[in-house]
């Protein structure tokens, strides 16, 4: 990731869909499974990801960087 944040223009209707899907996914009376809304959110958001960041994203998933860092305790006394 770069140290300098970049701005990306997002179409208003895509932003609206992202917000709606995020909120609807949390409701109890959704007509579709939560996974449907999360998949739509991922697809819309990934479309805005700059192509040069696709490899970085793949590494993030492959390295499981989303997992918390673990600390191994070797002294049990």
Protein backbone atom coordinates (compact mmCIF):
# COMPACT_ATOMS: atom_id res chain seq x y z
CA UNK A 1 0.00 0.00 0.00
CA UNK A 2 1.23 3.47 -0.76
CA UNK A 3 1.87 6.03 1.96
CA UNK A 4 -0.04 8.67 0.03
CA UNK A 5 -3.78 8.02 -0.19
CA UNK A 6 -5.27 8.26 -3.64
CA UNK A 7 -8.76 9.45 -4.42
CA UNK A 8 -11.04 7.43 -6.63
CA UNK A 9 -14.30 8.71 -8.01
CA UNK A 10 -17.24 6.47 -7.22
CA UNK A 11 -20.52 6.64 -9.08
CA UNK A 12 -23.30 7.80 -6.79
CA UNK A 13 -25.54 4.86 -7.68
CA UNK A 14 -22.73 2.41 -6.80
CA UNK A 15 -22.19 4.15 -3.46
CA UNK A 16 -25.94 4.03 -2.85
CA UNK A 17 -26.02 0.29 -3.64
CA UNK A 18 -23.07 -0.33 -1.29
CA UNK A 19 -24.78 1.48 1.58
CA UNK A 20 -28.14 -0.17 0.96
CA UNK A 21 -26.65 -3.66 0.74
CA UNK A 22 -24.58 -3.15 3.88
CA UNK A 23 -27.62 -2.09 5.87
CA UNK A 24 -30.02 -4.66 4.42
CA UNK A 25 -27.56 -7.49 5.11
CA UNK A 26 -27.95 -6.75 8.84
CA UNK A 27 -31.74 -6.85 8.88
CA UNK A 28 -33.67 -9.90 10.02
CA UNK A 29 -36.27 -9.82 7.24
CA UNK A 30 -33.98 -9.81 4.20
CA UNK A 31 -35.46 -11.58 1.18
CA UNK A 32 -32.08 -13.07 0.26
CA UNK A 33 -29.24 -14.64 2.27
CA UNK A 34 -26.64 -12.31 3.83
CA UNK A 35 -24.00 -13.81 1.54
CA UNK A 36 -25.83 -12.36 -1.48
CA UNK A 37 -25.48 -8.79 -0.16
CA UNK A 38 -21.86 -9.28 0.90
CA UNK A 39 -21.00 -10.65 -2.55
CA UNK A 40 -22.57 -7.59 -4.21
CA UNK A 41 -20.62 -5.29 -1.90
CA UNK A 42 -17.37 -7.11 -2.71
CA UNK A 43 -18.02 -7.03 -6.45
CA UNK A 44 -18.87 -3.34 -6.57
CA UNK A 45 -15.95 -2.33 -4.33
CA UNK A 46 -13.43 -4.53 -6.16
CA UNK A 47 -14.40 -2.84 -9.40
CA UNK A 48 -13.07 0.45 -8.03
CA UNK A 49 -9.81 -1.05 -6.79
CA UNK A 50 -6.95 0.21 -8.99
CA UNK A 51 -5.54 -2.60 -11.15
CA UNK A 52 -2.07 -2.16 -9.65
CA UNK A 53 -3.52 -3.11 -6.25
CA UNK A 54 -5.01 -6.42 -7.44
CA UNK A 55 -1.75 -8.29 -6.74
CA UNK A 56 -1.49 -6.69 -3.32
CA UNK A 57 -5.05 -7.80 -2.57
CA UNK A 58 -4.28 -11.37 -3.66
CA UNK A 59 -1.25 -11.42 -1.36
CA UNK A 60 -3.39 -10.09 1.49
CA UNK A 61 -5.76 -13.03 1.06
CA UNK A 62 -3.06 -15.64 0.44
CA UNK A 63 -1.00 -14.53 3.46
CA UNK A 64 -4.16 -14.35 5.60
CA UNK A 65 -3.14 -10.87 6.75
CA UNK A 66 -6.71 -10.37 7.99
CA UNK A 67 -6.06 -12.75 10.90
CA UNK A 68 -4.84 -11.23 14.16
CA UNK A 69 -1.18 -11.65 14.93
CA UNK A 70 -0.58 -14.46 17.40
CA UNK A 71 1.91 -14.37 20.21
CA UNK A 72 3.47 -17.67 21.20
CA UNK A 73 4.21 -17.94 24.90
CA UNK A 74 7.09 -20.28 25.57
CA UNK A 75 7.58 -19.64 29.28
CA UNK A 76 4.84 -21.48 31.15
CA UNK A 77 6.25 -20.95 34.65
